[in-house]
Amino acid sequence: MFTDAAVKALKCRDAAWTREQLDGQNSSERPLTYYEVVSRDYNEESLVFYTEALADLHHCFRDSIKLVLGEMPGGKITIEDCKKKIAQAKTILQVVSMNATSWQLSDNSFC
């Protein structure tokens, strides 16, 4: 789930910077980075998320789980936590998609 501010910051993340933006990157008046927006938005105590129920996957996942910030291990999400989690997700997705492509090219099937 993404907030509108996080989506907007993500879209601008790789945009080329002007000379003024480069000079002001350490200024307190600069726009927040994607990671700063995510850590700010998702550290609100009022946010409650629910996992998706995946009963077909395994019986342990048949029920949705309520996720509350106060009950999360590690507490609040820092900017560094955001960077680590996104990098980890990119690595996992890359490995999975490469394996899926290899599987399709090998002409294997489940039947």
PDB file of N, CA and C in Angstrom:
ATOM      1  N   MET A   1       0.843  -1.176   0.000  1.00  0.00           N
ATOM      2  CA  MET A   1       0.000   0.000   0.000  1.00  0.00           C
ATOM      3  C   MET A   1       0.886   1.236   0.000  1.00  0.00           C
ATOM      4  N   PHE A   2       0.585   2.149  -0.889  1.00  0.00           N
ATOM      5  CA  PHE A   2       1.376   3.362  -1.011  1.00  0.00           C
ATOM      6  C   PHE A   2       0.507   4.586  -0.759  1.00  0.00           C
ATOM      7  N   THR A   3       1.065   5.556  -0.088  1.00  0.00           N
ATOM      8  CA  THR A   3       0.379   6.838   0.050  1.00  0.00           C
ATOM      9  C   THR A   3       0.631   7.647  -1.218  1.00  0.00           C
ATOM     10  N   ASP A   4      -0.196   8.641  -1.465  1.00  0.00           N
ATOM     11  CA  ASP A   4      -0.016   9.483  -2.647  1.00  0.00           C
ATOM     12  C   ASP A   4       1.341  10.186  -2.624  1.00  0.00           C
ATOM     13  N   ALA A   5       1.753  10.618  -1.435  1.00  0.00           N
ATOM     14  CA  ALA A   5       3.039  11.307  -1.318  1.00  0.00           C
ATOM     15  C   ALA A   5       4.195  10.369  -1.644  1.00  0.00           C
ATOM     16  N   ALA A   6       4.090   9.101  -1.236  1.00  0.00           N
ATOM     17  CA  ALA A   6       5.149   8.134  -1.522  1.00  0.00           C
ATOM     18  C   ALA A   6       5.212   7.826  -3.016  1.00  0.00           C
ATOM     19  N   VAL A   7       4.068   7.722  -3.664  1.00  0.00           N
ATOM     20  CA  VAL A   7       4.038   7.461  -5.105  1.00  0.00           C
ATOM     21  C   VAL A   7       4.659   8.636  -5.856  1.00  0.00           C
ATOM     22  N   LYS A   8       4.299   9.854  -5.466  1.00  0.00           N
ATOM     23  CA  LYS A   8       4.843  11.049  -6.113  1.00  0.00           C
ATOM     24  C   LYS A   8       6.365  11.111  -5.934  1.00  0.00           C
ATOM     25  N   ALA A   9       6.843  10.833  -4.716  1.00  0.00           N
ATOM     26  CA  ALA A   9       8.284  10.861  -4.458  1.00  0.00           C
ATOM     27  C   ALA A   9       9.000   9.760  -5.230  1.00  0.00           C
ATOM     28  N   LEU A  10       8.373   8.591  -5.372  1.00  0.00           N
ATOM     29  CA  LEU A  10       8.986   7.492  -6.115  1.00  0.00           C
ATOM     30  C   LEU A  10       9.115   7.833  -7.598  1.00  0.00           C
ATOM     31  N   LYS A  11       8.096   8.483  -8.156  1.00  0.00           N
ATOM     32  CA  LYS A  11       8.142   8.868  -9.566  1.00  0.00           C
ATOM     33  C   LYS A  11       9.251   9.873  -9.842  1.00  0.00           C
ATOM     34  N   CYS A  12       9.555  10.711  -8.870  1.00  0.00           N
ATOM     35  CA  CYS A  12      10.582  11.757  -9.045  1.00  0.00           C
ATOM     36  C   CYS A  12      11.969  11.285  -8.609  1.00  0.00           C
ATOM     37  N   ARG A  13      12.064  10.093  -8.097  1.00  0.00           N
ATOM     38  CA  ARG A  13      13.317   9.608  -7.504  1.00  0.00           C
ATOM     39  C   ARG A  13      14.486   9.626  -8.481  1.00  0.00           C
ATOM     40  N   ASP A  14      14.277   9.219  -9.705  1.00  0.00           N
ATOM     41  CA  ASP A  14      15.373   9.119 -10.665  1.00  0.00           C
ATOM     42  C   ASP A  14      15.422  10.280 -11.651  1.00  0.00           C
ATOM     43  N   ALA A  15      14.671  11.337 -11.376  1.00  0.00           N
ATOM     44  CA  ALA A  15      14.667  12.488 -12.278  1.00  0.00           C
ATOM     45  C   ALA A  15      16.022  13.200 -12.203  1.00  0.00           C
ATOM     46  N   ALA A  16      16.442  13.754 -13.310  1.00  0.00           N
ATOM     47  CA  ALA A  16      17.710  14.494 -13.348  1.00  0.00           C
ATOM     48  C   ALA A  16      17.580  15.764 -12.513  1.00  0.00           C
ATOM     49  N   TRP A  17      18.623  16.087 -11.775  1.00  0.00           N
ATOM     50  CA  TRP A  17      18.620  17.263 -10.915  1.00  0.00           C
ATOM     51  C   TRP A  17      19.172  18.472 -11.654  1.00  0.00           C
ATOM     52  N   THR A  18      18.604  19.619 -11.356  1.00  0.00           N
ATOM     53  CA  THR A  18      19.142  20.863 -11.894  1.00  0.00           C
ATOM     54  C   THR A  18      20.322  21.290 -11.019  1.00  0.00           C
ATOM     55  N   ARG A  19      21.040  22.284 -11.466  1.00  0.00           N
ATOM     56  CA  ARG A  19      22.189  22.783 -10.698  1.00  0.00           C
ATOM     57  C   ARG A  19      21.746  23.291  -9.329  1.00  0.00           C
ATOM     58  N   GLU A  20      20.585  23.973  -9.273  1.00  0.00           N
ATOM     59  CA  GLU A  20      20.071  24.496  -8.004  1.00  0.00           C
ATOM     60  C   GLU A  20      19.723  23.359  -7.043  1.00  0.00           C
ATOM     61  N   GLN A  21      19.161  22.265  -7.569  1.00  0.00           N
ATOM     62  CA  GLN A  21      18.817  21.126  -6.719  1.00  0.00           C
ATOM     63  C   GLN A  21      20.074  20.454  -6.178  1.00  0.00           C
ATOM     64  N   LEU A  22      21.086  20.343  -7.020  1.00  0.00           N
ATOM     65  CA  LEU A  22      22.342  19.764  -6.560  1.00  0.00           C
ATOM     66  C   LEU A  22      22.975  20.612  -5.468  1.00  0.00           C
ATOM     67  N   ASP A  23      22.958  21.930  -5.651  1.00  0.00           N
ATOM     68  CA  ASP A  23      23.536  22.828  -4.653  1.00  0.00           C
ATOM     69  C   ASP A  23      22.753  22.803  -3.347  1.00  0.00           C
ATOM     70  N   GLY A  24      21.442  22.586  -3.430  1.00  0.00           N
ATOM     71  CA  GLY A  24      20.603  22.628  -2.240  1.00  0.00           C
ATOM     72  C   GLY A  24      20.243  21.275  -1.666  1.00  0.00           C
ATOM     73  N   GLN A  25      20.948  20.213  -2.047  1.00  0.00           N
ATOM     74  CA  GLN A  25      20.555  18.876  -1.594  1.00  0.00           C
ATOM     75  C   GLN A  25      20.716  18.676  -0.091  1.00  0.00           C
ATOM     76  N   ASN A  26      21.518  19.489   0.577  1.00  0.00           N
ATOM     77  CA  ASN A  26      21.660  19.386   2.029  1.00  0.00           C
ATOM     78  C   ASN A  26      20.846  20.445   2.761  1.00  0.00           C
ATOM     79  N   SER A  27      20.022  21.178   2.021  1.00  0.00           N
ATOM     80  CA  SER A  27      19.199  22.221   2.604  1.00  0.00           C
ATOM     81  C   SER A  27      17.978  21.615   3.293  1.00  0.00           C
ATOM     82  N   SER A  28      17.538  22.258   4.351  1.00  0.00           N
ATOM     83  CA  SER A  28      16.330  21.783   5.042  1.00  0.00           C
ATOM     84  C   SER A  28      15.070  22.091   4.238  1.00  0.00           C
ATOM     85  N   GLU A  29      15.183  22.943   3.219  1.00  0.00           N
ATOM     86  CA  GLU A  29      14.031  23.327   2.406  1.00  0.00           C
ATOM     87  C   GLU A  29      13.838  22.431   1.183  1.00  0.00           C
ATOM     88  N   ARG A  30      14.733  21.496   0.944  1.00  0.00           N
ATOM     89  CA  ARG A  30      14.613  20.627  -0.221  1.00  0.00           C
ATOM     90  C   ARG A  30      13.441  19.661  -0.039  1.00  0.00           C
ATOM     91  N   PRO A  31      12.893  19.143  -1.126  1.00  0.00           N
ATOM     92  CA  PRO A  31      11.814  18.153  -1.002  1.00  0.00           C
ATOM     93  C   PRO A  31      12.344  16.865  -0.354  1.00  0.00           C
ATOM     94  N   LEU A  32      11.459  16.166   0.322  1.00  0.00           N
ATOM     95  CA  LEU A  32      11.851  14.909   0.960  1.00  0.00           C
ATOM     96  C   LEU A  32      12.155  13.851  -0.094  1.00  0.00           C
ATOM     97  N   THR A  33      13.105  12.989   0.204  1.00  0.00           N
ATOM     98  CA  THR A  33      13.395  11.867  -0.682  1.00  0.00           C
ATOM     99  C   THR A  33      12.302  10.811  -0.517  1.00  0.00           C
ATOM    100  N   TYR A  34      12.299   9.843  -1.422  1.00  0.00           N
ATOM    101  CA  TYR A  34      11.325   8.751  -1.342  1.00  0.00           C
ATOM    102  C   TYR A  34      11.411   8.030   0.004  1.00  0.00           C
ATOM    103  N   TYR A  35      12.611   7.751   0.444  1.00  0.00           N
ATOM    104  CA  TYR A  35      12.808   7.020   1.698  1.00  0.00           C
ATOM    105  C   TYR A  35      12.331   7.838   2.896  1.00  0.00           C
ATOM    106  N   GLU A  36      12.542   9.137   2.863  1.00  0.00           N
ATOM    107  CA  GLU A  36      12.084  10.009   3.948  1.00  0.00           C
ATOM    108  C   GLU A  36      10.563  10.069   3.995  1.00  0.00           C
ATOM    109  N   VAL A  37       9.933  10.107   2.823  1.00  0.00           N
ATOM    110  CA  VAL A  37       8.465  10.135   2.763  1.00  0.00           C
ATOM    111  C   VAL A  37       7.894   8.830   3.312  1.00  0.00           C
ATOM    112  N   VAL A  38       8.469   7.709   2.904  1.00  0.00           N
ATOM    113  CA  VAL A  38       7.973   6.406   3.367  1.00  0.00           C
ATOM    114  C   VAL A  38       8.134   6.263   4.877  1.00  0.00           C
ATOM    115  N   SER A  39       9.303   6.616   5.405  1.00  0.00           N
ATOM    116  CA  SER A  39       9.511   6.472   6.849  1.00  0.00           C
ATOM    117  C   SER A  39       8.603   7.424   7.626  1.00  0.00           C
ATOM    118  N   ARG A  40       8.345   8.603   7.089  1.00  0.00           N
ATOM    119  CA  ARG A  40       7.444   9.548   7.760  1.00  0.00           C
ATOM    120  C   ARG A  40       6.001   9.027   7.736  1.00  0.00           C
ATOM    121  N   ASP A  41       5.541   8.616   6.556  1.00  0.00           N
ATOM    122  CA  ASP A  41       4.145   8.209   6.403  1.00  0.00           C
ATOM    123  C   ASP A  41       3.807   6.918   7.135  1.00  0.00           C
ATOM    124  N   TYR A  42       4.713   5.969   7.125  1.00  0.00           N
ATOM    125  CA  TYR A  42       4.398   4.661   7.694  1.00  0.00           C
ATOM    126  C   TYR A  42       4.765   4.526   9.163  1.00  0.00           C
ATOM    127  N   ASN A  43       5.207   5.589   9.784  1.00  0.00           N
ATOM    128  CA  ASN A  43       5.463   5.573  11.222  1.00  0.00           C
ATOM    129  C   ASN A  43       4.312   6.178  12.009  1.00  0.00           C
ATOM    130  N   GLU A  44       3.171   6.367  11.379  1.00  0.00           N
ATOM    131  CA  GLU A  44       1.999   6.870  12.071  1.00  0.00           C
ATOM    132  C   GLU A  44       1.351   5.747  12.861  1.00  0.00           C
ATOM    133  N   GLU A  45       1.067   6.029  14.117  1.00  0.00           N
ATOM    134  CA  GLU A  45       0.455   5.014  14.992  1.00  0.00           C
ATOM    135  C   GLU A  45      -0.950   4.637  14.539  1.00  0.00           C
ATOM    136  N   SER A  46      -1.625   5.533  13.831  1.00  0.00           N
ATOM    137  CA  SER A  46      -3.015   5.281  13.443  1.00  0.00           C
ATOM    138  C   SER A  46      -3.135   4.312  12.263  1.00  0.00           C
ATOM    139  N   LEU A  47      -2.040   4.073  11.530  1.00  0.00           N
ATOM    140  CA  LEU A  47      -2.095   3.171  10.378  1.00  0.00           C
ATOM    141  C   LEU A  47      -2.168   1.712  10.834  1.00  0.00           C
ATOM    142  N   VAL A  48      -3.094   0.992  10.252  1.00  0.00           N
ATOM    143  CA  VAL A  48      -3.222  -0.438  10.520  1.00  0.00           C
ATOM    144  C   VAL A  48      -3.298  -1.130   9.164  1.00  0.00           C
ATOM    145  N   PHE A  49      -2.459  -2.125   8.964  1.00  0.00           N
ATOM    146  CA  PHE A  49      -2.449  -2.888   7.725  1.00  0.00           C
ATOM    147  C   PHE A  49      -2.902  -4.315   8.009  1.00  0.00           C
ATOM    148  N   TYR A  50      -3.378  -4.975   6.972  1.00  0.00           N
ATOM    149  CA  TYR A  50      -3.777  -6.376   7.072  1.00  0.00           C
ATOM    150  C   TYR A  50      -3.078  -7.150   5.959  1.00  0.00           C
ATOM    151  N   THR A  51      -2.551  -8.307   6.302  1.00  0.00           N
ATOM    152  CA  THR A  51      -1.925  -9.134   5.283  1.00  0.00           C
ATOM    153  C   THR A  51      -3.007  -9.756   4.416  1.00  0.00           C
ATOM    154  N   GLU A  52      -2.613 -10.175   3.257  1.00  0.00           N
ATOM    155  CA  GLU A  52      -3.550 -10.836   2.359  1.00  0.00           C
ATOM    156  C   GLU A  52      -3.659 -12.305   2.766  1.00  0.00           C
ATOM    157  N   ALA A  53      -4.869 -12.810   2.832  1.00  0.00           N
ATOM    158  CA  ALA A  53      -5.085 -14.215   3.149  1.00  0.00           C
ATOM    159  C   ALA A  53      -4.738 -15.061   1.928  1.00  0.00           C
ATOM    160  N   LEU A  54      -3.863 -16.038   2.111  1.00  0.00           N
ATOM    161  CA  LEU A  54      -3.421 -16.902   1.011  1.00  0.00           C
ATOM    162  C   LEU A  54      -3.644 -18.368   1.393  1.00  0.00           C
ATOM    163  N   ALA A  55      -4.890 -18.719   1.546  1.00  0.00           N
ATOM    164  CA  ALA A  55      -5.241 -20.068   1.997  1.00  0.00           C
ATOM    165  C   ALA A  55      -4.766 -21.150   1.030  1.00  0.00           C
ATOM    166  N   ASP A  56      -4.711 -20.846  -0.262  1.00  0.00           N
ATOM    167  CA  ASP A  56      -4.263 -21.834  -1.247  1.00  0.00           C
ATOM    168  C   ASP A  56      -2.769 -22.107  -1.148  1.00  0.00           C
ATOM    169  N   LEU A  57      -2.037 -21.175  -0.584  1.00  0.00           N
ATOM    170  CA  LEU A  57      -0.596 -21.335  -0.480  1.00  0.00           C
ATOM    171  C   LEU A  57      -0.218 -22.287   0.651  1.00  0.00           C
ATOM    172  N   HIS A  58      -0.785 -22.058   1.835  1.00  0.00           N
ATOM    173  CA  HIS A  58      -0.467 -22.879   3.010  1.00  0.00           C
ATOM    174  C   HIS A  58      -1.505 -22.596   4.083  1.00  0.00           C
ATOM    175  N   HIS A  59      -1.776 -23.572   4.938  1.00  0.00           N
ATOM    176  CA  HIS A  59      -2.800 -23.377   5.957  1.00  0.00           C
ATOM    177  C   HIS A  59      -2.412 -22.289   6.957  1.00  0.00           C
ATOM    178  N   CYS A  60      -1.130 -22.014   7.130  1.00  0.00           N
ATOM    179  CA  CYS A  60      -0.691 -20.953   8.046  1.00  0.00           C
ATOM    180  C   CYS A  60      -1.070 -19.564   7.534  1.00  0.00           C
ATOM    181  N   PHE A  61      -1.335 -19.443   6.247  1.00  0.00           N
ATOM    182  CA  PHE A  61      -1.644 -18.145   5.648  1.00  0.00           C
ATOM    183  C   PHE A  61      -3.122 -17.985   5.306  1.00  0.00           C
ATOM    184  N   ARG A  62      -3.990 -18.857   5.841  1.00  0.00           N
ATOM    185  CA  ARG A  62      -5.398 -18.803   5.449  1.00  0.00           C
ATOM    186  C   ARG A  62      -6.137 -17.598   6.035  1.00  0.00           C
ATOM    187  N   ASP A  63      -5.633 -17.033   7.147  1.00  0.00           N
ATOM    188  CA  ASP A  63      -6.288 -15.890   7.770  1.00  0.00           C
ATOM    189  C   ASP A  63      -5.457 -14.623   7.573  1.00  0.00           C
ATOM    190  N   SER A  64      -6.147 -13.519   7.431  1.00  0.00           N
ATOM    191  CA  SER A  64      -5.481 -12.231   7.339  1.00  0.00           C
ATOM    192  C   SER A  64      -4.946 -11.853   8.717  1.00  0.00           C
ATOM    193  N   ILE A  65      -3.802 -11.200   8.768  1.00  0.00           N
ATOM    194  CA  ILE A  65      -3.174 -10.814  10.033  1.00  0.00           C
ATOM    195  C   ILE A  65      -3.167  -9.299  10.136  1.00  0.00           C
ATOM    196  N   LYS A  66      -3.553  -8.787  11.297  1.00  0.00           N
ATOM    197  CA  LYS A  66      -3.557  -7.351  11.554  1.00  0.00           C
ATOM    198  C   LYS A  66      -2.137  -6.912  11.914  1.00  0.00           C
ATOM    199  N   LEU A  67      -1.646  -5.897  11.217  1.00  0.00           N
ATOM    200  CA  LEU A  67      -0.299  -5.380  11.460  1.00  0.00           C
ATOM    201  C   LEU A  67      -0.396  -3.968  12.033  1.00  0.00           C
ATOM    202  N   VAL A  68       0.046  -3.812  13.272  1.00  0.00           N
ATOM    203  CA  VAL A  68       0.006  -2.521  13.960  1.00  0.00           C
ATOM    204  C   VAL A  68       1.437  -2.116  14.266  1.00  0.00           C
ATOM    205  N   LEU A  69       1.769  -0.847  14.034  1.00  0.00           N
ATOM    206  CA  LEU A  69       3.139  -0.369  14.215  1.00  0.00           C
ATOM    207  C   LEU A  69       3.677  -0.667  15.609  1.00  0.00           C
ATOM    208  N   GLY A  70       2.884  -0.457  16.637  1.00  0.00           N
ATOM    209  CA  GLY A  70       3.341  -0.668  18.011  1.00  0.00           C
ATOM    210  C   GLY A  70       3.702  -2.108  18.328  1.00  0.00           C
ATOM    211  N   GLU A  71       3.185  -3.052  17.540  1.00  0.00           N
ATOM    212  CA  GLU A  71       3.456  -4.469  17.777  1.00  0.00           C
ATOM    213  C   GLU A  71       4.565  -5.022  16.885  1.00  0.00           C
ATOM    214  N   MET A  72       5.108  -4.184  16.001  1.00  0.00           N
ATOM    215  CA  MET A  72       6.151  -4.635  15.080  1.00  0.00           C
ATOM    216  C   MET A  72       7.492  -4.748  15.785  1.00  0.00           C
ATOM    217  N   PRO A  73       8.250  -5.803  15.509  1.00  0.00           N
ATOM    218  CA  PRO A  73       9.592  -5.905  16.088  1.00  0.00           C
ATOM    219  C   PRO A  73      10.483  -4.819  15.499  1.00  0.00           C
ATOM    220  N   GLY A  74      11.255  -4.187  16.338  1.00  0.00           N
ATOM    221  CA  GLY A  74      12.148  -3.136  15.860  1.00  0.00           C
ATOM    222  C   GLY A  74      11.549  -1.752  15.943  1.00  0.00           C
ATOM    223  N   GLY A  75      10.249  -1.652  16.139  1.00  0.00           N
ATOM    224  CA  GLY A  75       9.624  -0.347  16.289  1.00  0.00           C
ATOM    225  C   GLY A  75       9.507   0.435  15.003  1.00  0.00           C
ATOM    226  N   LYS A  76       9.762   1.720  15.089  1.00  0.00           N
ATOM    227  CA  LYS A  76       9.573   2.621  13.952  1.00  0.00           C
ATOM    228  C   LYS A  76      10.543   2.330  12.823  1.00  0.00           C
ATOM    229  N   ILE A  77      10.131   2.681  11.614  1.00  0.00           N
ATOM    230  CA  ILE A  77      10.922   2.450  10.410  1.00  0.00           C
ATOM    231  C   ILE A  77      11.821   3.664  10.176  1.00  0.00           C
ATOM    232  N   THR A  78      13.109   3.438  10.080  1.00  0.00           N
ATOM    233  CA  THR A  78      14.042   4.528   9.807  1.00  0.00           C
ATOM    234  C   THR A  78      14.273   4.627   8.303  1.00  0.00           C
ATOM    235  N   ILE A  79      14.930   5.690   7.901  1.00  0.00           N
ATOM    236  CA  ILE A  79      15.257   5.873   6.489  1.00  0.00           C
ATOM    237  C   ILE A  79      16.179   4.747   6.023  1.00  0.00           C
ATOM    238  N   GLU A  80      17.136   4.370   6.861  1.00  0.00           N
ATOM    239  CA  GLU A  80      18.051   3.278   6.504  1.00  0.00           C
ATOM    240  C   GLU A  80      17.312   1.954   6.378  1.00  0.00           C
ATOM    241  N   ASP A  81      16.309   1.720   7.242  1.00  0.00           N
ATOM    242  CA  ASP A  81      15.492   0.506   7.139  1.00  0.00           C
ATOM    243  C   ASP A  81      14.778   0.452   5.786  1.00  0.00           C
ATOM    244  N   CYS A  82      14.248   1.593   5.350  1.00  0.00           N
ATOM    245  CA  CYS A  82      13.568   1.665   4.051  1.00  0.00           C
ATOM    246  C   CYS A  82      14.517   1.305   2.925  1.00  0.00           C
ATOM    247  N   LYS A  83      15.709   1.875   2.951  1.00  0.00           N
ATOM    248  CA  LYS A  83      16.689   1.600   1.899  1.00  0.00           C
ATOM    249  C   LYS A  83      17.059   0.120   1.866  1.00  0.00           C
ATOM    250  N   LYS A  84      17.263  -0.475   3.052  1.00  0.00           N
ATOM    251  CA  LYS A  84      17.642  -1.891   3.124  1.00  0.00           C
ATOM    252  C   LYS A  84      16.530  -2.794   2.617  1.00  0.00           C
ATOM    253  N   LYS A  85      15.295  -2.525   3.052  1.00  0.00           N
ATOM    254  CA  LYS A  85      14.159  -3.378   2.656  1.00  0.00           C
ATOM    255  C   LYS A  85      13.890  -3.302   1.160  1.00  0.00           C
ATOM    256  N   ILE A  86      13.987  -2.101   0.586  1.00  0.00           N
ATOM    257  CA  ILE A  86      13.747  -1.957  -0.849  1.00  0.00           C
ATOM    258  C   ILE A  86      14.848  -2.637  -1.640  1.00  0.00           C
ATOM    259  N   ALA A  87      16.098  -2.500  -1.199  1.00  0.00           N
ATOM    260  CA  ALA A  87      17.210  -3.179  -1.878  1.00  0.00           C
ATOM    261  C   ALA A  87      17.049  -4.694  -1.784  1.00  0.00           C
ATOM    262  N   GLN A  88      16.631  -5.178  -0.620  1.00  0.00           N
ATOM    263  CA  GLN A  88      16.432  -6.622  -0.435  1.00  0.00           C
ATOM    264  C   GLN A  88      15.300  -7.123  -1.331  1.00  0.00           C
ATOM    265  N   ALA A  89      14.207  -6.362  -1.421  1.00  0.00           N
ATOM    266  CA  ALA A  89      13.079  -6.765  -2.260  1.00  0.00           C
ATOM    267  C   ALA A  89      13.484  -6.799  -3.731  1.00  0.00           C
ATOM    268  N   LYS A  90      14.267  -5.820  -4.173  1.00  0.00           N
ATOM    269  CA  LYS A  90      14.728  -5.809  -5.559  1.00  0.00           C
ATOM    270  C   LYS A  90      15.567  -7.037  -5.864  1.00  0.00           C
ATOM    271  N   THR A  91      16.430  -7.424  -4.934  1.00  0.00           N
ATOM    272  CA  THR A  91      17.285  -8.595  -5.125  1.00  0.00           C
ATOM    273  C   THR A  91      16.448  -9.862  -5.212  1.00  0.00           C
ATOM    274  N   ILE A  92      15.484 -10.006  -4.324  1.00  0.00           N
ATOM    275  CA  ILE A  92      14.630 -11.198  -4.320  1.00  0.00           C
ATOM    276  C   ILE A  92      13.796 -11.264  -5.594  1.00  0.00           C
ATOM    277  N   LEU A  93      13.218 -10.134  -6.007  1.00  0.00           N
ATOM    278  CA  LEU A  93      12.406 -10.121  -7.223  1.00  0.00           C
ATOM    279  C   LEU A  93      13.240 -10.450  -8.447  1.00  0.00           C
ATOM    280  N   GLN A  94      14.458  -9.978  -8.479  1.00  0.00           N
ATOM    281  CA  GLN A  94      15.332 -10.258  -9.622  1.00  0.00           C
ATOM    282  C   GLN A  94      15.630 -11.753  -9.707  1.00  0.00           C
ATOM    283  N   VAL A  95      15.931 -12.374  -8.587  1.00  0.00           N
ATOM    284  CA  VAL A  95      16.241 -13.805  -8.575  1.00  0.00           C
ATOM    285  C   VAL A  95      15.018 -14.613  -8.989  1.00  0.00           C
ATOM    286  N   VAL A  96      13.858 -14.263  -8.473  1.00  0.00           N
ATOM    287  CA  VAL A  96      12.638 -14.992  -8.801  1.00  0.00           C
ATOM    288  C   VAL A  96      12.323 -14.847 -10.287  1.00  0.00           C
ATOM    289  N   SER A  97      12.410 -13.652 -10.830  1.00  0.00           N
ATOM    290  CA  SER A  97      12.070 -13.478 -12.238  1.00  0.00           C
ATOM    291  C   SER A  97      13.092 -14.163 -13.138  1.00  0.00           C
ATOM    292  N   MET A  98      14.353 -14.199 -12.745  1.00  0.00           N
ATOM    293  CA  MET A  98      15.354 -14.907 -13.545  1.00  0.00           C
ATOM    294  C   MET A  98      15.093 -16.402 -13.523  1.00  0.00           C
ATOM    295  N   ASN A  99      14.723 -16.940 -12.356  1.00  0.00           N
ATOM    296  CA  ASN A  99      14.420 -18.364 -12.253  1.00  0.00           C
ATOM    297  C   ASN A  99      13.171 -18.715 -13.047  1.00  0.00           C
ATOM    298  N   ALA A 100      12.172 -17.831 -13.034  1.00  0.00           N
ATOM    299  CA  ALA A 100      10.948 -18.091 -13.793  1.00  0.00           C
ATOM    300  C   ALA A 100      11.238 -18.123 -15.289  1.00  0.00           C
ATOM    301  N   THR A 101      12.096 -17.236 -15.746  1.00  0.00           N
ATOM    302  CA  THR A 101      12.459 -17.213 -17.164  1.00  0.00           C
ATOM    303  C   THR A 101      13.205 -18.485 -17.544  1.00  0.00           C
ATOM    304  N   SER A 102      14.137 -18.912 -16.702  1.00  0.00           N
ATOM    305  CA  SER A 102      14.879 -20.145 -16.962  1.00  0.00           C
ATOM    306  C   SER A 102      13.940 -21.339 -17.026  1.00  0.00           C
ATOM    307  N   TRP A 103      12.958 -21.358 -16.138  1.00  0.00           N
ATOM    308  CA  TRP A 103      11.992 -22.456 -16.098  1.00  0.00           C
ATOM    309  C   TRP A 103      11.187 -22.496 -17.391  1.00  0.00           C
ATOM    310  N   GLN A 104      10.748 -21.325 -17.857  1.00  0.00           N
ATOM    311  CA  GLN A 104       9.963 -21.270 -19.087  1.00  0.00           C
ATOM    312  C   GLN A 104      10.796 -21.676 -20.297  1.00  0.00           C
ATOM    313  N   LEU A 105      12.052 -21.260 -20.347  1.00  0.00           N
ATOM    314  CA  LEU A 105      12.912 -21.585 -21.478  1.00  0.00           C
ATOM    315  C   LEU A 105      13.288 -23.066 -21.518  1.00  0.00           C
ATOM    316  N   SER A 106      13.266 -23.729 -20.353  1.00  0.00           N
ATOM    317  CA  SER A 106      13.659 -25.134 -20.319  1.00  0.00           C
ATOM    318  C   SER A 106      12.534 -26.064 -20.761  1.00  0.00           C
ATOM    319  N   ASP A 107      11.335 -25.500 -21.023  1.00  0.00           N
ATOM    320  CA  ASP A 107      10.176 -26.238 -21.488  1.00  0.00           C
ATOM    321  C   ASP A 107       9.716 -27.273 -20.469  1.00  0.00           C
ATOM    322  N   ASN A 108       9.927 -26.982 -19.179  1.00  0.00           N
ATOM    323  CA  ASN A 108       9.420 -27.847 -18.109  1.00  0.00           C
ATOM    324  C   ASN A 108       7.979 -27.444 -17.819  1.00  0.00           C
ATOM    325  N   SER A 109       7.249 -28.373 -17.259  1.00  0.00           N
ATOM    326  CA  SER A 109       5.884 -28.045 -16.849  1.00  0.00           C
ATOM    327  C   SER A 109       5.525 -28.889 -15.630  1.00  0.00           C
ATOM    328  N   PHE A 110       4.438 -28.529 -14.994  1.00  0.00           N
ATOM    329  CA  PHE A 110       4.010 -29.254 -13.810  1.00  0.00           C
ATOM    330  C   PHE A 110       3.194 -30.495 -14.163  1.00  0.00           C
ATOM    331  N   CYS A 111       2.798 -30.644 -15.398  1.00  0.00           N
ATOM    332  CA  CYS A 111       1.943 -31.765 -15.800  1.00  0.00           C
ATOM    333  C   CYS A 111       2.747 -32.998 -16.108  1.00  0.00           C
TER     334      CYS A 111
END
